[in-house]
Amino acid sequence: MTTPISELSGNWAAAFAASEKQRSDKVMQHLPAEKGENAGNKQLSAEELVPPLQQINEVLNPYGVQFEISDGQPVVVQIVDTKSGDVIRQIPSEEVLRAAEQLADLRGMLVNSEA
């Protein structure tokens, strides 16, 4: 059960944290929940990620950050500082993308066609 903000008015930091927790809980209630065996293994397209990320961006807007999604494959999500435009974090990272590309290039060399 959440504590009403009026009870926390003497402690501004606790009141702010409680209000942010209420906001994030409200957003989380509206996010779709995956059901079934493959809920954690499902690959999502960029189009499927847009609505949840819009809701997350609404919550993060006061903090000056937002999530952005690439249109290409693989889907890349970036956390961006809205004031400077700098990328704070990218998922997957550039290093992982390069490693995946190099592994894809080596795929043909790793399989011996003579058996």
N, C-alpha and C. Protein backbone atom coordinates (compact mmCIF):
# COMPACT_ATOMS: atom_id res chain seq x y z
N MET A 1 0.86 -1.18 0.00
CA MET A 1 0.00 0.00 0.00
C MET A 1 0.90 1.23 0.00
N THR A 2 0.56 2.22 -0.79
CA THR A 2 1.37 3.42 -0.87
C THR A 2 0.98 4.41 0.20
N THR A 3 1.94 5.23 0.59
CA THR A 3 1.72 6.24 1.61
C THR A 3 1.26 7.52 0.94
N PRO A 4 0.18 8.13 1.40
CA PRO A 4 -0.25 9.40 0.80
C PRO A 4 0.84 10.45 0.97
N ILE A 5 0.97 11.29 -0.04
CA ILE A 5 2.01 12.31 -0.02
C ILE A 5 1.79 13.29 1.12
N SER A 6 0.55 13.55 1.50
CA SER A 6 0.27 14.50 2.59
C SER A 6 0.92 14.07 3.90
N GLU A 7 1.05 12.76 4.13
CA GLU A 7 1.70 12.27 5.34
C GLU A 7 3.20 12.46 5.32
N LEU A 8 3.77 12.65 4.13
CA LEU A 8 5.22 12.77 4.00
C LEU A 8 5.67 14.21 3.77
N SER A 9 4.79 15.18 3.98
CA SER A 9 5.10 16.56 3.63
C SER A 9 6.29 17.11 4.39
N GLY A 10 6.63 16.56 5.55
CA GLY A 10 7.78 17.02 6.31
C GLY A 10 9.09 16.59 5.69
N ASN A 11 9.09 15.56 4.89
CA ASN A 11 10.30 15.05 4.26
C ASN A 11 10.11 15.12 2.75
N TRP A 12 10.66 16.16 2.12
CA TRP A 12 10.44 16.40 0.70
C TRP A 12 10.96 15.26 -0.16
N ALA A 13 12.14 14.73 0.16
CA ALA A 13 12.73 13.66 -0.64
C ALA A 13 11.85 12.42 -0.61
N ALA A 14 11.33 12.07 0.57
CA ALA A 14 10.46 10.90 0.68
C ALA A 14 9.15 11.14 -0.07
N ALA A 15 8.62 12.36 0.01
CA ALA A 15 7.38 12.68 -0.68
C ALA A 15 7.57 12.59 -2.19
N PHE A 16 8.72 13.09 -2.68
CA PHE A 16 8.99 13.04 -4.12
C PHE A 16 9.15 11.59 -4.57
N ALA A 17 9.88 10.80 -3.79
CA ALA A 17 10.08 9.39 -4.13
C ALA A 17 8.75 8.64 -4.15
N ALA A 18 7.89 8.93 -3.21
CA ALA A 18 6.59 8.28 -3.15
C ALA A 18 5.74 8.65 -4.36
N SER A 19 5.76 9.90 -4.77
CA SER A 19 4.96 10.31 -5.93
C SER A 19 5.51 9.69 -7.21
N GLU A 20 6.83 9.60 -7.33
CA GLU A 20 7.44 8.97 -8.52
C GLU A 20 7.13 7.48 -8.54
N LYS A 21 7.12 6.84 -7.39
CA LYS A 21 6.79 5.42 -7.31
C LYS A 21 5.35 5.21 -7.74
N GLN A 22 4.45 6.09 -7.32
CA GLN A 22 3.04 5.98 -7.72
C GLN A 22 2.91 6.14 -9.24
N ARG A 23 3.64 7.10 -9.82
CA ARG A 23 3.59 7.31 -11.27
C ARG A 23 4.12 6.11 -12.02
N SER A 24 5.26 5.56 -11.57
CA SER A 24 5.83 4.41 -12.28
C SER A 24 4.95 3.18 -12.12
N ASP A 25 4.34 3.00 -10.94
CA ASP A 25 3.43 1.87 -10.75
C ASP A 25 2.22 1.97 -11.68
N LYS A 26 1.72 3.18 -11.87
CA LYS A 26 0.58 3.39 -12.76
C LYS A 26 0.93 3.04 -14.20
N VAL A 27 2.12 3.45 -14.64
CA VAL A 27 2.56 3.13 -15.99
C VAL A 27 2.77 1.63 -16.14
N MET A 28 3.39 1.00 -15.16
CA MET A 28 3.67 -0.43 -15.24
C MET A 28 2.38 -1.25 -15.31
N GLN A 29 1.29 -0.77 -14.70
CA GLN A 29 0.03 -1.48 -14.75
C GLN A 29 -0.54 -1.51 -16.16
N HIS A 30 -0.21 -0.51 -16.97
CA HIS A 30 -0.75 -0.43 -18.33
C HIS A 30 0.11 -1.11 -19.37
N LEU A 31 1.32 -1.54 -18.99
CA LEU A 31 2.18 -2.23 -19.94
C LEU A 31 1.65 -3.64 -20.16
N PRO A 32 1.76 -4.14 -21.40
CA PRO A 32 1.26 -5.49 -21.64
C PRO A 32 2.14 -6.52 -20.94
N ALA A 33 1.50 -7.53 -20.37
CA ALA A 33 2.21 -8.62 -19.70
C ALA A 33 2.19 -9.83 -20.61
N GLU A 34 3.35 -10.43 -20.82
CA GLU A 34 3.45 -11.63 -21.65
C GLU A 34 3.03 -12.84 -20.83
N LYS A 35 2.30 -13.73 -21.44
CA LYS A 35 1.85 -14.93 -20.77
C LYS A 35 2.31 -16.15 -21.56
N GLY A 36 2.49 -17.26 -20.89
CA GLY A 36 2.85 -18.50 -21.56
C GLY A 36 4.30 -18.85 -21.37
N GLU A 37 4.68 -19.97 -21.99
CA GLU A 37 6.02 -20.51 -21.82
C GLU A 37 7.10 -19.61 -22.41
N ASN A 38 6.85 -19.04 -23.57
CA ASN A 38 7.86 -18.28 -24.28
C ASN A 38 7.81 -16.79 -24.01
N ALA A 39 7.26 -16.38 -22.88
CA ALA A 39 7.10 -14.96 -22.59
C ALA A 39 8.44 -14.24 -22.56
N GLY A 40 9.47 -14.85 -22.00
CA GLY A 40 10.77 -14.20 -21.91
C GLY A 40 11.63 -14.36 -23.14
N ASN A 41 11.28 -15.23 -24.08
CA ASN A 41 12.11 -15.52 -25.24
C ASN A 41 11.61 -14.87 -26.52
N LYS A 42 10.52 -14.17 -26.49
CA LYS A 42 9.91 -13.60 -27.68
C LYS A 42 10.75 -12.43 -28.22
N GLN A 43 11.01 -12.46 -29.52
CA GLN A 43 11.70 -11.35 -30.18
C GLN A 43 10.65 -10.32 -30.57
N LEU A 44 10.84 -9.08 -30.14
CA LEU A 44 9.88 -8.02 -30.44
C LEU A 44 10.38 -7.18 -31.59
N SER A 45 9.46 -6.74 -32.42
CA SER A 45 9.81 -5.82 -33.49
C SER A 45 9.79 -4.39 -32.95
N ALA A 46 10.35 -3.47 -33.72
CA ALA A 46 10.38 -2.07 -33.31
C ALA A 46 8.96 -1.53 -33.14
N GLU A 47 8.03 -1.97 -33.99
CA GLU A 47 6.65 -1.49 -33.92
C GLU A 47 5.98 -1.92 -32.61
N GLU A 48 6.32 -3.12 -32.12
CA GLU A 48 5.73 -3.60 -30.88
C GLU A 48 6.31 -2.89 -29.66
N LEU A 49 7.51 -2.34 -29.79
CA LEU A 49 8.15 -1.64 -28.68
C LEU A 49 7.72 -0.19 -28.54
N VAL A 50 7.15 0.39 -29.59
CA VAL A 50 6.82 1.82 -29.57
C VAL A 50 5.83 2.19 -28.45
N PRO A 51 4.67 1.53 -28.32
CA PRO A 51 3.73 1.95 -27.26
C PRO A 51 4.31 1.89 -25.84
N PRO A 52 4.99 0.78 -25.44
CA PRO A 52 5.54 0.78 -24.08
C PRO A 52 6.63 1.84 -23.89
N LEU A 53 7.44 2.07 -24.91
CA LEU A 53 8.49 3.08 -24.77
C LEU A 53 7.92 4.49 -24.71
N GLN A 54 6.79 4.73 -25.37
CA GLN A 54 6.14 6.03 -25.26
C GLN A 54 5.68 6.27 -23.83
N GLN A 55 5.16 5.24 -23.19
CA GLN A 55 4.73 5.37 -21.80
C GLN A 55 5.92 5.59 -20.88
N ILE A 56 7.02 4.88 -21.14
CA ILE A 56 8.23 5.07 -20.34
C ILE A 56 8.76 6.49 -20.53
N ASN A 57 8.75 6.99 -21.76
CA ASN A 57 9.23 8.34 -22.03
C ASN A 57 8.40 9.40 -21.31
N GLU A 58 7.09 9.16 -21.15
CA GLU A 58 6.25 10.09 -20.40
C GLU A 58 6.71 10.20 -18.95
N VAL A 59 7.09 9.06 -18.37
CA VAL A 59 7.56 9.06 -16.98
C VAL A 59 8.94 9.71 -16.87
N LEU A 60 9.81 9.44 -17.84
CA LEU A 60 11.19 9.94 -17.78
C LEU A 60 11.35 11.37 -18.28
N ASN A 61 10.34 11.92 -18.90
CA ASN A 61 10.43 13.27 -19.47
C ASN A 61 10.94 14.32 -18.49
N PRO A 62 10.48 14.35 -17.22
CA PRO A 62 10.99 15.37 -16.29
C PRO A 62 12.48 15.22 -15.98
N TYR A 63 13.05 14.05 -16.25
CA TYR A 63 14.46 13.81 -15.95
C TYR A 63 15.37 14.14 -17.12
N GLY A 64 14.82 14.54 -18.25
CA GLY A 64 15.63 14.95 -19.38
C GLY A 64 16.23 13.81 -20.18
N VAL A 65 15.63 12.62 -20.10
CA VAL A 65 16.09 11.48 -20.90
C VAL A 65 14.91 10.86 -21.62
N GLN A 66 15.20 10.19 -22.71
CA GLN A 66 14.16 9.49 -23.44
C GLN A 66 14.75 8.28 -24.15
N PHE A 67 13.90 7.31 -24.45
CA PHE A 67 14.29 6.12 -25.19
C PHE A 67 14.00 6.35 -26.66
N GLU A 68 14.89 5.88 -27.53
CA GLU A 68 14.69 5.93 -28.97
C GLU A 68 14.95 4.54 -29.54
N ILE A 69 14.22 4.18 -30.62
CA ILE A 69 14.34 2.86 -31.23
C ILE A 69 14.79 3.03 -32.68
N SER A 70 15.69 2.12 -33.12
CA SER A 70 16.11 2.12 -34.52
C SER A 70 15.07 1.39 -35.36
N ASP A 71 15.05 1.68 -36.64
CA ASP A 71 14.12 1.02 -37.54
C ASP A 71 14.70 -0.27 -38.13
N GLY A 72 16.01 -0.41 -38.09
CA GLY A 72 16.66 -1.54 -38.75
C GLY A 72 16.69 -2.80 -37.91
N GLN A 73 17.36 -3.80 -38.46
CA GLN A 73 17.57 -5.06 -37.76
C GLN A 73 19.04 -5.18 -37.44
N PRO A 74 19.45 -5.52 -36.28
CA PRO A 74 18.62 -5.77 -35.11
C PRO A 74 18.08 -4.47 -34.54
N VAL A 75 17.04 -4.57 -33.73
CA VAL A 75 16.46 -3.40 -33.09
C VAL A 75 17.45 -2.89 -32.05
N VAL A 76 17.74 -1.59 -32.11
CA VAL A 76 18.67 -0.96 -31.17
C VAL A 76 17.89 0.10 -30.40
N VAL A 77 17.98 0.05 -29.07
CA VAL A 77 17.33 1.03 -28.21
C VAL A 77 18.41 1.90 -27.60
N GLN A 78 18.21 3.21 -27.67
CA GLN A 78 19.16 4.16 -27.10
C GLN A 78 18.46 5.00 -26.04
N ILE A 79 19.20 5.29 -24.95
CA ILE A 79 18.74 6.22 -23.94
C ILE A 79 19.49 7.52 -24.22
N VAL A 80 18.74 8.60 -24.49
CA VAL A 80 19.32 9.84 -24.98
C VAL A 80 19.03 10.99 -24.02
N ASP A 81 20.04 11.83 -23.78
CA ASP A 81 19.88 13.07 -23.02
C ASP A 81 19.15 14.05 -23.93
N THR A 82 17.95 14.49 -23.54
CA THR A 82 17.15 15.34 -24.42
C THR A 82 17.73 16.72 -24.61
N LYS A 83 18.50 17.22 -23.64
CA LYS A 83 19.07 18.56 -23.77
C LYS A 83 20.26 18.59 -24.72
N SER A 84 21.19 17.65 -24.55
CA SER A 84 22.40 17.66 -25.37
C SER A 84 22.31 16.75 -26.59
N GLY A 85 21.41 15.78 -26.56
CA GLY A 85 21.30 14.83 -27.65
C GLY A 85 22.32 13.70 -27.56
N ASP A 86 23.10 13.65 -26.48
CA ASP A 86 24.11 12.61 -26.30
C ASP A 86 23.45 11.29 -25.96
N VAL A 87 24.02 10.21 -26.48
CA VAL A 87 23.55 8.87 -26.16
C VAL A 87 24.17 8.47 -24.82
N ILE A 88 23.31 8.18 -23.84
CA ILE A 88 23.77 7.78 -22.52
C ILE A 88 24.06 6.28 -22.51
N ARG A 89 23.17 5.49 -23.10
CA ARG A 89 23.33 4.04 -23.13
C ARG A 89 22.68 3.52 -24.39
N GLN A 90 23.24 2.47 -24.96
CA GLN A 90 22.68 1.82 -26.14
C GLN A 90 22.57 0.33 -25.86
N ILE A 91 21.44 -0.25 -26.25
CA ILE A 91 21.19 -1.68 -26.05
C ILE A 91 20.76 -2.29 -27.39
N PRO A 92 21.48 -3.24 -27.92
CA PRO A 92 22.78 -3.74 -27.52
C PRO A 92 23.87 -2.72 -27.83
N SER A 93 24.99 -2.83 -27.15
CA SER A 93 26.08 -1.88 -27.31
C SER A 93 26.74 -2.04 -28.68
N GLU A 94 27.52 -1.04 -29.07
CA GLU A 94 28.24 -1.08 -30.34
C GLU A 94 29.16 -2.30 -30.41
N GLU A 95 29.80 -2.63 -29.28
CA GLU A 95 30.71 -3.76 -29.25
C GLU A 95 29.97 -5.07 -29.55
N VAL A 96 28.79 -5.23 -28.98
CA VAL A 96 28.00 -6.44 -29.22
C VAL A 96 27.55 -6.50 -30.67
N LEU A 97 27.16 -5.37 -31.24
CA LEU A 97 26.74 -5.34 -32.64
C LEU A 97 27.90 -5.72 -33.56
N ARG A 98 29.11 -5.20 -33.26
CA ARG A 98 30.29 -5.54 -34.08
C ARG A 98 30.64 -7.02 -33.94
N ALA A 99 30.57 -7.55 -32.72
CA ALA A 99 30.87 -8.97 -32.51
C ALA A 99 29.87 -9.85 -33.27
N ALA A 100 28.60 -9.50 -33.24
CA ALA A 100 27.58 -10.27 -33.95
C ALA A 100 27.83 -10.22 -35.46
N GLU A 101 28.24 -9.06 -35.95
CA GLU A 101 28.54 -8.92 -37.38
C GLU A 101 29.74 -9.79 -37.77
N GLN A 102 30.77 -9.78 -36.95
CA GLN A 102 31.96 -10.60 -37.24
C GLN A 102 31.63 -12.09 -37.17
N LEU A 103 30.80 -12.49 -36.21
CA LEU A 103 30.40 -13.89 -36.12
C LEU A 103 29.58 -14.31 -37.34
N ALA A 104 28.74 -13.41 -37.83
CA ALA A 104 27.95 -13.71 -39.03
C ALA A 104 28.87 -13.87 -40.23
N ASP A 105 29.94 -13.06 -40.30
CA ASP A 105 30.90 -13.18 -41.40
C ASP A 105 31.66 -14.50 -41.32
N LEU A 106 31.95 -14.97 -40.12
CA LEU A 106 32.70 -16.21 -39.92
C LEU A 106 31.84 -17.46 -40.03
N ARG A 107 30.54 -17.31 -40.04
CA ARG A 107 29.64 -18.45 -40.02
C ARG A 107 29.96 -19.43 -41.14
N GLY A 108 30.20 -18.93 -42.31
CA GLY A 108 30.49 -19.81 -43.45
C GLY A 108 31.83 -20.50 -43.31
N MET A 109 32.78 -19.89 -42.64
CA MET A 109 34.10 -20.48 -42.46
C MET A 109 34.12 -21.54 -41.37
N LEU A 110 33.21 -21.46 -40.43
CA LEU A 110 33.21 -22.39 -39.31
C LEU A 110 32.63 -23.75 -39.66
N VAL A 111 31.82 -23.83 -40.68
CA VAL A 111 31.19 -25.09 -41.06
C VAL A 111 32.00 -25.73 -42.17
N ASN A 112 32.42 -26.95 -41.94
CA ASN A 112 33.17 -27.70 -42.94
C ASN A 112 32.19 -28.42 -43.83
N SER A 113 32.22 -28.11 -45.11
CA SER A 113 31.27 -28.72 -46.03
C SER A 113 31.61 -30.16 -46.37
N GLU A 114 32.84 -30.58 -46.09
CA GLU A 114 33.24 -31.97 -46.32
C GLU A 114 33.00 -32.79 -45.07
N ALA A 115 32.19 -33.80 -45.19
CA ALA A 115 31.92 -34.62 -43.99
C ALA A 115 32.30 -36.05 -44.19
